Amino acid sequence: MDFEAKIISREVSELLWDMEKTVGTAESCTGGRIAEAIISVPGASKYFKGGIISYVNEIKESMLGVDHQVLEEQTAVCEEVARQMVIGACKALNTDYAISATGVAGPTGGTKEIPVGTIWLACGNADKIVTVKVEEDHGRDINLAIATNTAMQLFLNYLKSENAEKSESEG
């Protein structure tokens, strides 16, 4: 894991620790890399409950509750599936938050509509989810590293906004 990822992971750790919240992951193309980034910080067992690697649609449906019709109509690589993966992971893992990733890491598997390097990332909970789409192909390993770092940064920004909202409502 690169230096940037470790810094982001430490910041995420501190926020979750302070907020006394938990997180889980629902990963497809990243195959556990986001979970690995989270647990790279000592003490992660206080806030990280686990992850579901849903590499195939069958697991997205059965373990995360992703809608079959959405998978059929929009494919697994879409914003709605990433959103449903967050909700499903929060429910299945009984966490406050979840981070999800679904996409085409490459080198094959892309189409004209969904080229290699297209990865949808999401985080949040059933009440509030934020998403981002990664779209450039830099080769499989770099695509996965970019997706992992982007997912962690997305979640860090999400936690900061949640923490700010909480502070404002208490102040």
N, C-alpha and C. Protein backbone atom coordinates (compact mmCIF):
# COMPACT_ATOMS: atom_id res chain seq x y z
N MET A 1 0.85 -1.18 0.00
CA MET A 1 0.00 0.00 0.00
C MET A 1 0.89 1.24 0.00
N ASP A 2 0.46 2.24 -0.76
CA ASP A 2 1.29 3.43 -0.86
C ASP A 2 1.10 4.37 0.33
N PHE A 3 1.99 5.33 0.41
CA PHE A 3 2.02 6.26 1.53
C PHE A 3 0.71 7.04 1.66
N GLU A 4 0.18 7.50 0.52
CA GLU A 4 -1.07 8.27 0.53
C GLU A 4 -2.20 7.47 1.15
N ALA A 5 -2.29 6.20 0.78
CA ALA A 5 -3.35 5.34 1.31
C ALA A 5 -3.23 5.18 2.82
N LYS A 6 -2.01 5.07 3.31
CA LYS A 6 -1.81 4.93 4.76
C LYS A 6 -2.23 6.17 5.51
N ILE A 7 -1.95 7.34 4.95
CA ILE A 7 -2.36 8.60 5.59
C ILE A 7 -3.88 8.69 5.63
N ILE A 8 -4.53 8.39 4.52
CA ILE A 8 -6.00 8.43 4.46
C ILE A 8 -6.58 7.43 5.45
N SER A 9 -6.03 6.22 5.48
CA SER A 9 -6.52 5.17 6.40
C SER A 9 -6.42 5.62 7.85
N ARG A 10 -5.33 6.27 8.19
CA ARG A 10 -5.15 6.75 9.57
C ARG A 10 -6.19 7.82 9.91
N GLU A 11 -6.46 8.73 8.98
CA GLU A 11 -7.47 9.76 9.21
C GLU A 11 -8.86 9.15 9.37
N VAL A 12 -9.18 8.17 8.51
CA VAL A 12 -10.46 7.46 8.61
C VAL A 12 -10.55 6.78 9.97
N SER A 13 -9.48 6.13 10.38
CA SER A 13 -9.42 5.45 11.67
C SER A 13 -9.73 6.40 12.82
N GLU A 14 -9.08 7.55 12.82
CA GLU A 14 -9.27 8.52 13.90
C GLU A 14 -10.71 9.01 13.97
N LEU A 15 -11.29 9.28 12.81
CA LEU A 15 -12.68 9.76 12.79
C LEU A 15 -13.66 8.69 13.28
N LEU A 16 -13.50 7.47 12.76
CA LEU A 16 -14.40 6.40 13.19
C LEU A 16 -14.26 6.14 14.69
N TRP A 17 -13.03 6.17 15.16
CA TRP A 17 -12.75 5.95 16.58
C TRP A 17 -13.46 7.02 17.42
N ASP A 18 -13.27 8.29 17.02
CA ASP A 18 -13.88 9.40 17.76
C ASP A 18 -15.40 9.38 17.69
N MET A 19 -15.94 9.02 16.54
CA MET A 19 -17.39 9.03 16.34
C MET A 19 -18.05 7.77 16.92
N GLU A 20 -17.22 6.77 17.25
CA GLU A 20 -17.72 5.48 17.74
C GLU A 20 -18.68 4.85 16.74
N LYS A 21 -18.26 4.85 15.47
CA LYS A 21 -19.05 4.28 14.38
C LYS A 21 -18.30 3.10 13.77
N THR A 22 -19.04 2.28 13.03
CA THR A 22 -18.44 1.10 12.40
C THR A 22 -18.60 1.16 10.88
N VAL A 23 -17.73 0.41 10.21
CA VAL A 23 -17.76 0.38 8.75
C VAL A 23 -17.52 -1.05 8.27
N GLY A 24 -18.04 -1.34 7.09
CA GLY A 24 -17.77 -2.60 6.40
C GLY A 24 -17.58 -2.29 4.92
N THR A 25 -17.21 -3.30 4.17
CA THR A 25 -17.00 -3.09 2.73
C THR A 25 -17.78 -4.10 1.91
N ALA A 26 -18.13 -3.68 0.71
CA ALA A 26 -18.74 -4.56 -0.29
C ALA A 26 -17.95 -4.31 -1.57
N GLU A 27 -17.07 -5.23 -1.89
CA GLU A 27 -16.15 -5.01 -2.99
C GLU A 27 -16.33 -6.04 -4.09
N SER A 28 -16.30 -5.56 -5.31
CA SER A 28 -16.30 -6.45 -6.46
C SER A 28 -14.90 -6.40 -7.07
N CYS A 29 -14.65 -5.50 -7.99
CA CYS A 29 -13.38 -5.48 -8.71
C CYS A 29 -12.17 -5.26 -7.81
N THR A 30 -12.32 -4.57 -6.70
CA THR A 30 -11.19 -4.30 -5.82
C THR A 30 -10.82 -5.50 -4.94
N GLY A 31 -11.68 -6.49 -4.88
CA GLY A 31 -11.36 -7.77 -4.26
C GLY A 31 -10.80 -7.76 -2.85
N GLY A 32 -11.15 -6.78 -2.03
CA GLY A 32 -10.67 -6.74 -0.66
C GLY A 32 -9.61 -5.68 -0.40
N ARG A 33 -9.22 -4.96 -1.42
CA ARG A 33 -8.18 -3.96 -1.24
C ARG A 33 -8.62 -2.80 -0.35
N ILE A 34 -9.90 -2.44 -0.42
CA ILE A 34 -10.40 -1.35 0.44
C ILE A 34 -10.37 -1.82 1.89
N ALA A 35 -10.82 -3.05 2.13
CA ALA A 35 -10.76 -3.60 3.48
C ALA A 35 -9.32 -3.64 3.98
N GLU A 36 -8.41 -4.02 3.10
CA GLU A 36 -6.99 -4.07 3.47
C GLU A 36 -6.48 -2.69 3.88
N ALA A 37 -6.91 -1.66 3.14
CA ALA A 37 -6.49 -0.29 3.48
C ALA A 37 -7.02 0.10 4.86
N ILE A 38 -8.26 -0.27 5.15
CA ILE A 38 -8.85 0.07 6.45
C ILE A 38 -8.12 -0.62 7.59
N ILE A 39 -7.82 -1.90 7.42
CA ILE A 39 -7.21 -2.65 8.53
C ILE A 39 -5.71 -2.46 8.63
N SER A 40 -5.13 -1.64 7.76
CA SER A 40 -3.69 -1.38 7.85
C SER A 40 -3.34 -0.59 9.10
N VAL A 41 -4.34 0.02 9.72
CA VAL A 41 -4.13 0.82 10.93
C VAL A 41 -4.39 -0.06 12.15
N PRO A 42 -3.45 -0.11 13.08
CA PRO A 42 -3.67 -0.89 14.30
C PRO A 42 -4.93 -0.42 15.04
N GLY A 43 -5.68 -1.36 15.58
CA GLY A 43 -6.90 -1.03 16.32
C GLY A 43 -8.14 -1.01 15.45
N ALA A 44 -8.00 -1.39 14.19
CA ALA A 44 -9.14 -1.34 13.26
C ALA A 44 -10.29 -2.24 13.70
N SER A 45 -10.02 -3.23 14.52
CA SER A 45 -11.10 -4.13 14.95
C SER A 45 -12.15 -3.40 15.79
N LYS A 46 -11.84 -2.21 16.27
CA LYS A 46 -12.82 -1.42 17.02
C LYS A 46 -13.93 -0.89 16.12
N TYR A 47 -13.61 -0.64 14.83
CA TYR A 47 -14.60 -0.01 13.95
C TYR A 47 -14.82 -0.75 12.63
N PHE A 48 -13.95 -1.68 12.25
CA PHE A 48 -14.15 -2.42 11.00
C PHE A 48 -14.71 -3.80 11.31
N LYS A 49 -15.93 -4.07 10.82
CA LYS A 49 -16.58 -5.35 11.11
C LYS A 49 -16.29 -6.44 10.10
N GLY A 50 -16.04 -6.07 8.85
CA GLY A 50 -15.76 -7.07 7.84
C GLY A 50 -16.13 -6.59 6.46
N GLY A 51 -15.95 -7.49 5.50
CA GLY A 51 -16.25 -7.15 4.13
C GLY A 51 -16.82 -8.32 3.37
N ILE A 52 -17.54 -8.00 2.32
CA ILE A 52 -18.09 -9.02 1.43
C ILE A 52 -17.49 -8.77 0.05
N ILE A 53 -16.78 -9.77 -0.45
CA ILE A 53 -16.24 -9.67 -1.80
C ILE A 53 -17.26 -10.33 -2.72
N SER A 54 -17.98 -9.49 -3.43
CA SER A 54 -19.08 -9.95 -4.29
C SER A 54 -18.64 -9.83 -5.74
N TYR A 55 -17.75 -10.71 -6.12
CA TYR A 55 -17.14 -10.64 -7.44
C TYR A 55 -18.11 -10.99 -8.57
N VAL A 56 -19.12 -11.77 -8.26
CA VAL A 56 -20.10 -12.15 -9.28
C VAL A 56 -21.49 -11.64 -8.87
N ASN A 57 -22.36 -11.49 -9.86
CA ASN A 57 -23.70 -10.96 -9.61
C ASN A 57 -24.49 -11.81 -8.62
N GLU A 58 -24.31 -13.12 -8.66
CA GLU A 58 -25.02 -14.01 -7.75
C GLU A 58 -24.80 -13.59 -6.29
N ILE A 59 -23.58 -13.24 -5.94
CA ILE A 59 -23.26 -12.83 -4.56
C ILE A 59 -23.77 -11.42 -4.29
N LYS A 60 -23.71 -10.55 -5.29
CA LYS A 60 -24.28 -9.21 -5.12
C LYS A 60 -25.76 -9.32 -4.76
N GLU A 61 -26.45 -10.23 -5.43
CA GLU A 61 -27.89 -10.41 -5.17
C GLU A 61 -28.15 -11.10 -3.84
N SER A 62 -27.51 -12.26 -3.63
CA SER A 62 -27.85 -13.08 -2.47
C SER A 62 -27.33 -12.53 -1.15
N MET A 63 -26.16 -11.93 -1.14
CA MET A 63 -25.58 -11.46 0.13
C MET A 63 -25.79 -9.97 0.37
N LEU A 64 -25.92 -9.20 -0.70
CA LEU A 64 -26.04 -7.75 -0.55
C LEU A 64 -27.42 -7.22 -0.94
N GLY A 65 -28.26 -8.08 -1.48
CA GLY A 65 -29.61 -7.66 -1.83
C GLY A 65 -29.70 -6.74 -3.03
N VAL A 66 -28.69 -6.78 -3.90
CA VAL A 66 -28.75 -5.96 -5.12
C VAL A 66 -29.87 -6.50 -6.01
N ASP A 67 -30.66 -5.60 -6.54
CA ASP A 67 -31.82 -5.95 -7.34
C ASP A 67 -31.41 -6.62 -8.66
N HIS A 68 -31.96 -7.80 -8.91
CA HIS A 68 -31.66 -8.57 -10.12
C HIS A 68 -31.97 -7.76 -11.38
N GLN A 69 -33.09 -7.08 -11.36
CA GLN A 69 -33.51 -6.31 -12.54
C GLN A 69 -32.53 -5.18 -12.85
N VAL A 70 -31.99 -4.54 -11.82
CA VAL A 70 -31.00 -3.48 -12.02
C VAL A 70 -29.75 -4.07 -12.66
N LEU A 71 -29.31 -5.23 -12.17
CA LEU A 71 -28.14 -5.90 -12.75
C LEU A 71 -28.38 -6.25 -14.22
N GLU A 72 -29.58 -6.73 -14.52
CA GLU A 72 -29.92 -7.11 -15.90
C GLU A 72 -29.97 -5.89 -16.82
N GLU A 73 -30.62 -4.83 -16.35
CA GLU A 73 -30.85 -3.66 -17.19
C GLU A 73 -29.66 -2.72 -17.28
N GLN A 74 -28.92 -2.56 -16.17
CA GLN A 74 -27.85 -1.56 -16.13
C GLN A 74 -26.45 -2.17 -16.02
N THR A 75 -26.35 -3.47 -15.85
CA THR A 75 -25.12 -4.23 -15.58
C THR A 75 -24.64 -3.97 -14.16
N ALA A 76 -23.65 -4.72 -13.73
CA ALA A 76 -23.11 -4.56 -12.38
C ALA A 76 -22.28 -3.29 -12.25
N VAL A 77 -21.87 -2.73 -13.38
CA VAL A 77 -21.01 -1.55 -13.35
C VAL A 77 -21.85 -0.30 -13.57
N CYS A 78 -22.52 0.11 -12.50
CA CYS A 78 -23.34 1.31 -12.57
C CYS A 78 -23.47 1.91 -11.17
N GLU A 79 -23.87 3.15 -11.14
CA GLU A 79 -24.00 3.86 -9.87
C GLU A 79 -25.03 3.20 -8.96
N GLU A 80 -26.15 2.77 -9.51
CA GLU A 80 -27.21 2.18 -8.69
C GLU A 80 -26.75 0.91 -7.99
N VAL A 81 -25.98 0.08 -8.67
CA VAL A 81 -25.47 -1.15 -8.03
C VAL A 81 -24.50 -0.77 -6.90
N ALA A 82 -23.64 0.20 -7.13
CA ALA A 82 -22.72 0.64 -6.07
C ALA A 82 -23.50 1.13 -4.86
N ARG A 83 -24.58 1.86 -5.09
CA ARG A 83 -25.43 2.36 -4.00
C ARG A 83 -26.09 1.19 -3.25
N GLN A 84 -26.66 0.26 -4.00
CA GLN A 84 -27.32 -0.89 -3.37
C GLN A 84 -26.33 -1.76 -2.60
N MET A 85 -25.09 -1.83 -3.07
CA MET A 85 -24.06 -2.58 -2.36
C MET A 85 -23.77 -1.96 -0.99
N VAL A 86 -23.76 -0.63 -0.91
CA VAL A 86 -23.56 0.06 0.38
C VAL A 86 -24.67 -0.30 1.35
N ILE A 87 -25.90 -0.17 0.88
CA ILE A 87 -27.05 -0.46 1.74
C ILE A 87 -27.03 -1.92 2.19
N GLY A 88 -26.75 -2.82 1.25
CA GLY A 88 -26.70 -4.25 1.56
C GLY A 88 -25.60 -4.60 2.54
N ALA A 89 -24.45 -3.96 2.40
CA ALA A 89 -23.34 -4.24 3.31
C ALA A 89 -23.65 -3.73 4.72
N CYS A 90 -24.23 -2.55 4.82
CA CYS A 90 -24.61 -2.03 6.15
C CYS A 90 -25.55 -3.00 6.85
N LYS A 91 -26.49 -3.52 6.09
CA LYS A 91 -27.47 -4.45 6.65
C LYS A 91 -26.83 -5.80 6.99
N ALA A 92 -26.12 -6.39 6.04
CA ALA A 92 -25.53 -7.72 6.24
C ALA A 92 -24.47 -7.73 7.34
N LEU A 93 -23.70 -6.66 7.44
CA LEU A 93 -22.60 -6.60 8.40
C LEU A 93 -22.96 -5.84 9.67
N ASN A 94 -24.17 -5.28 9.70
CA ASN A 94 -24.65 -4.52 10.85
C ASN A 94 -23.67 -3.39 11.21
N THR A 95 -23.40 -2.54 10.21
CA THR A 95 -22.47 -1.43 10.40
C THR A 95 -23.18 -0.09 10.22
N ASP A 96 -22.55 0.95 10.72
CA ASP A 96 -23.08 2.30 10.54
C ASP A 96 -22.87 2.78 9.11
N TYR A 97 -21.73 2.38 8.52
CA TYR A 97 -21.38 2.81 7.18
C TYR A 97 -20.81 1.64 6.38
N ALA A 98 -20.79 1.81 5.05
CA ALA A 98 -20.13 0.84 4.17
C ALA A 98 -19.53 1.58 2.99
N ILE A 99 -18.53 0.93 2.40
CA ILE A 99 -17.87 1.43 1.20
C ILE A 99 -18.01 0.34 0.15
N SER A 100 -18.35 0.71 -1.09
CA SER A 100 -18.49 -0.30 -2.14
C SER A 100 -17.71 0.08 -3.39
N ALA A 101 -17.40 -0.96 -4.17
CA ALA A 101 -16.71 -0.77 -5.45
C ALA A 101 -17.21 -1.81 -6.44
N THR A 102 -17.53 -1.37 -7.65
CA THR A 102 -17.94 -2.29 -8.71
C THR A 102 -17.46 -1.71 -10.03
N GLY A 103 -16.77 -2.53 -10.82
CA GLY A 103 -16.24 -2.00 -12.06
C GLY A 103 -15.49 -3.02 -12.89
N VAL A 104 -14.80 -2.50 -13.90
CA VAL A 104 -14.02 -3.33 -14.81
C VAL A 104 -12.55 -2.90 -14.68
N ALA A 105 -11.76 -3.72 -13.97
CA ALA A 105 -10.37 -3.37 -13.71
C ALA A 105 -9.47 -3.66 -14.91
N GLY A 106 -9.84 -4.64 -15.73
CA GLY A 106 -9.06 -4.96 -16.91
C GLY A 106 -8.13 -6.14 -16.69
N PRO A 107 -7.36 -6.49 -17.65
CA PRO A 107 -7.20 -5.81 -18.94
C PRO A 107 -8.33 -6.10 -19.92
N THR A 108 -9.16 -7.11 -19.65
CA THR A 108 -10.28 -7.42 -20.53
C THR A 108 -11.59 -7.18 -19.79
N GLY A 109 -12.69 -7.40 -20.45
CA GLY A 109 -14.00 -7.29 -19.83
C GLY A 109 -14.75 -6.02 -20.14
N GLY A 110 -14.08 -5.06 -20.73
CA GLY A 110 -14.74 -3.81 -21.05
C GLY A 110 -15.57 -3.91 -22.32
N THR A 111 -16.46 -2.96 -22.47
CA THR A 111 -17.28 -2.85 -23.68
C THR A 111 -17.19 -1.40 -24.16
N LYS A 112 -17.81 -1.12 -25.30
CA LYS A 112 -17.84 0.25 -25.80
C LYS A 112 -18.54 1.17 -24.79
N GLU A 113 -19.64 0.66 -24.21
CA GLU A 113 -20.42 1.45 -23.26
C GLU A 113 -19.73 1.55 -21.90
N ILE A 114 -19.05 0.47 -21.50
CA ILE A 114 -18.38 0.44 -20.20
C ILE A 114 -16.94 -0.03 -20.42
N PRO A 115 -16.06 0.90 -20.78
CA PRO A 115 -14.68 0.50 -21.08
C PRO A 115 -13.89 0.10 -19.82
N VAL A 116 -12.82 -0.64 -20.05
CA VAL A 116 -11.91 -1.01 -18.97
C VAL A 116 -11.48 0.25 -18.24
N GLY A 117 -11.44 0.17 -16.91
CA GLY A 117 -11.08 1.32 -16.09
C GLY A 117 -12.29 2.02 -15.50
N THR A 118 -13.50 1.63 -15.92
CA THR A 118 -14.72 2.21 -15.37
C THR A 118 -15.04 1.53 -14.05
N ILE A 119 -15.00 2.29 -12.98
CA ILE A 119 -15.27 1.74 -11.64
C ILE A 119 -16.15 2.73 -10.88
N TRP A 120 -17.28 2.23 -10.38
CA TRP A 120 -18.17 3.03 -9.54
C TRP A 120 -17.85 2.75 -8.09
N LEU A 121 -17.70 3.81 -7.31
CA LEU A 121 -17.42 3.73 -5.88
C LEU A 121 -18.53 4.44 -5.13
N ALA A 122 -18.88 3.92 -3.97
CA ALA A 122 -19.91 4.55 -3.15
C ALA A 122 -19.58 4.33 -1.69
N CYS A 123 -20.10 5.22 -0.84
CA CYS A 123 -19.99 5.02 0.60
C CYS A 123 -21.13 5.74 1.28
N GLY A 124 -21.37 5.32 2.52
CA GLY A 124 -22.43 5.94 3.31
C GLY A 124 -23.25 4.92 4.03
N ASN A 125 -24.54 5.24 4.17
CA ASN A 125 -25.50 4.34 4.80
C ASN A 125 -26.83 4.49 4.08
N ALA A 126 -27.85 3.83 4.58
CA ALA A 126 -29.15 3.86 3.89
C ALA A 126 -29.72 5.27 3.76
N ASP A 127 -29.34 6.17 4.65
CA ASP A 127 -29.87 7.54 4.65
C ASP A 127 -29.13 8.49 3.72
N LYS A 128 -27.82 8.25 3.54
CA LYS A 128 -27.02 9.19 2.74
C LYS A 128 -25.87 8.42 2.09
N ILE A 129 -25.85 8.43 0.77
CA ILE A 129 -24.79 7.75 0.02
C ILE A 129 -24.18 8.74 -0.96
N VAL A 130 -22.86 8.72 -1.05
CA VAL A 130 -22.16 9.52 -2.05
C VAL A 130 -21.45 8.55 -3.00
N THR A 131 -21.34 8.97 -4.25
CA THR A 131 -20.74 8.10 -5.27
C THR A 131 -19.73 8.88 -6.10
N VAL A 132 -18.85 8.13 -6.74
CA VAL A 132 -17.92 8.72 -7.69
C VAL A 132 -17.58 7.65 -8.73
N LYS A 133 -17.33 8.10 -9.93
CA LYS A 133 -16.99 7.19 -11.03
C LYS A 133 -15.55 7.45 -11.46
N VAL A 134 -14.76 6.37 -11.48
CA VAL A 134 -13.39 6.42 -11.98
C VAL A 134 -13.44 5.91 -13.41
N GLU A 135 -12.78 6.59 -14.34
CA GLU A 135 -12.99 6.23 -15.74
C GLU A 135 -11.75 5.99 -16.60
N GLU A 136 -10.57 6.19 -16.10
CA GLU A 136 -9.39 6.03 -16.96
C GLU A 136 -8.75 4.67 -16.78
N ASP A 137 -8.23 4.13 -17.87
CA ASP A 137 -7.54 2.84 -17.83
C ASP A 137 -6.04 3.06 -17.80
N HIS A 138 -5.43 2.65 -16.70
CA HIS A 138 -3.97 2.74 -16.54
C HIS A 138 -3.35 1.36 -16.38
N GLY A 139 -4.11 0.31 -16.71
CA GLY A 139 -3.67 -1.05 -16.46
C GLY A 139 -4.26 -1.54 -15.15
N ARG A 140 -4.48 -2.82 -15.06
CA ARG A 140 -5.21 -3.42 -13.94
C ARG A 140 -4.70 -2.99 -12.56
N ASP A 141 -3.43 -3.15 -12.29
CA ASP A 141 -2.90 -2.85 -10.96
C ASP A 141 -3.10 -1.39 -10.58
N ILE A 142 -2.81 -0.50 -11.50
CA ILE A 142 -2.97 0.93 -11.21
C ILE A 142 -4.45 1.29 -11.11
N ASN A 143 -5.30 0.71 -11.96
CA ASN A 143 -6.75 0.95 -11.87
C ASN A 143 -7.26 0.60 -10.47
N LEU A 144 -6.82 -0.55 -9.95
CA LEU A 144 -7.27 -0.99 -8.63
C LEU A 144 -6.70 -0.11 -7.52
N ALA A 145 -5.47 0.32 -7.65
CA ALA A 145 -4.87 1.22 -6.65
C ALA A 145 -5.60 2.56 -6.64
N ILE A 146 -5.90 3.10 -7.83
CA ILE A 146 -6.62 4.36 -7.93
C ILE A 146 -8.02 4.21 -7.32
N ALA A 147 -8.71 3.13 -7.64
CA ALA A 147 -10.05 2.90 -7.10
C ALA A 147 -10.02 2.81 -5.58
N THR A 148 -9.04 2.09 -5.03
CA THR A 148 -8.93 1.94 -3.58
C THR A 148 -8.68 3.28 -2.91
N ASN A 149 -7.70 4.04 -3.41
CA ASN A 149 -7.40 5.35 -2.82
C ASN A 149 -8.57 6.32 -2.97
N THR A 150 -9.23 6.28 -4.12
CA THR A 150 -10.37 7.17 -4.36
C THR A 150 -11.52 6.82 -3.41
N ALA A 151 -11.76 5.52 -3.21
CA ALA A 151 -12.82 5.09 -2.29
C ALA A 151 -12.52 5.54 -0.87
N MET A 152 -11.27 5.39 -0.45
CA MET A 152 -10.89 5.81 0.90
C MET A 152 -11.00 7.32 1.06
N GLN A 153 -10.61 8.08 0.05
CA GLN A 153 -10.72 9.54 0.12
C GLN A 153 -12.19 9.96 0.12
N LEU A 154 -13.00 9.29 -0.68
CA LEU A 154 -14.44 9.57 -0.70
C LEU A 154 -15.04 9.35 0.68
N PHE A 155 -14.65 8.23 1.32
CA PHE A 155 -15.18 7.92 2.65
C PHE A 155 -14.65 8.91 3.69
N LEU A 156 -13.40 9.29 3.60
CA LEU A 156 -12.84 10.28 4.53
C LEU A 156 -13.62 11.59 4.42
N ASN A 157 -13.86 12.06 3.20
CA ASN A 157 -14.64 13.29 3.01
C ASN A 157 -16.05 13.15 3.56
N TYR A 158 -16.65 11.98 3.34
CA TYR A 158 -17.99 11.70 3.86
C TYR A 158 -18.00 11.81 5.39
N LEU A 159 -17.03 11.15 6.04
CA LEU A 159 -16.96 11.18 7.50
C LEU A 159 -16.74 12.59 8.02
N LYS A 160 -15.91 13.35 7.35
CA LYS A 160 -15.67 14.74 7.76
C LYS A 160 -16.96 15.55 7.69
N SER A 161 -17.74 15.35 6.64
CA SER A 161 -19.00 16.09 6.51
C SER A 161 -20.01 15.63 7.56
N GLU A 162 -20.04 14.33 7.86
CA GLU A 162 -20.93 13.80 8.90
C GLU A 162 -20.54 14.37 10.26
N ASN A 163 -19.25 14.41 10.52
CA ASN A 163 -18.74 14.92 11.79
C ASN A 163 -19.05 16.41 11.94
N ALA A 164 -18.90 17.16 10.85
CA ALA A 164 -19.20 18.60 10.87
C ALA A 164 -20.68 18.85 11.12
N GLU A 165 -21.55 18.04 10.47
CA GLU A 165 -22.99 18.17 10.68
C GLU A 165 -23.36 17.87 12.12
N LYS A 166 -22.73 16.84 12.69
CA LYS A 166 -22.98 16.45 14.08
C LYS A 166 -22.55 17.58 15.02
N SER A 167 -21.39 18.16 14.77
CA SER A 167 -20.87 19.25 15.61
C SER A 167 -21.79 20.46 15.55
N GLU A 168 -22.29 20.80 14.34
CA GLU A 168 -23.19 21.94 14.19
C GLU A 168 -24.49 21.72 14.94
N SER A 169 -25.04 20.50 14.88
CA SER A 169 -26.32 20.24 15.53
C SER A 169 -26.17 20.21 17.05
N GLU A 170 -24.96 19.91 17.53
CA GLU A 170 -24.74 19.89 18.97
C GLU A 170 -24.41 21.29 19.51
N GLY A 171 -23.86 22.15 18.61
CA GLY A 171 -23.42 23.48 19.03
C GLY A 171 -24.53 24.44 19.03
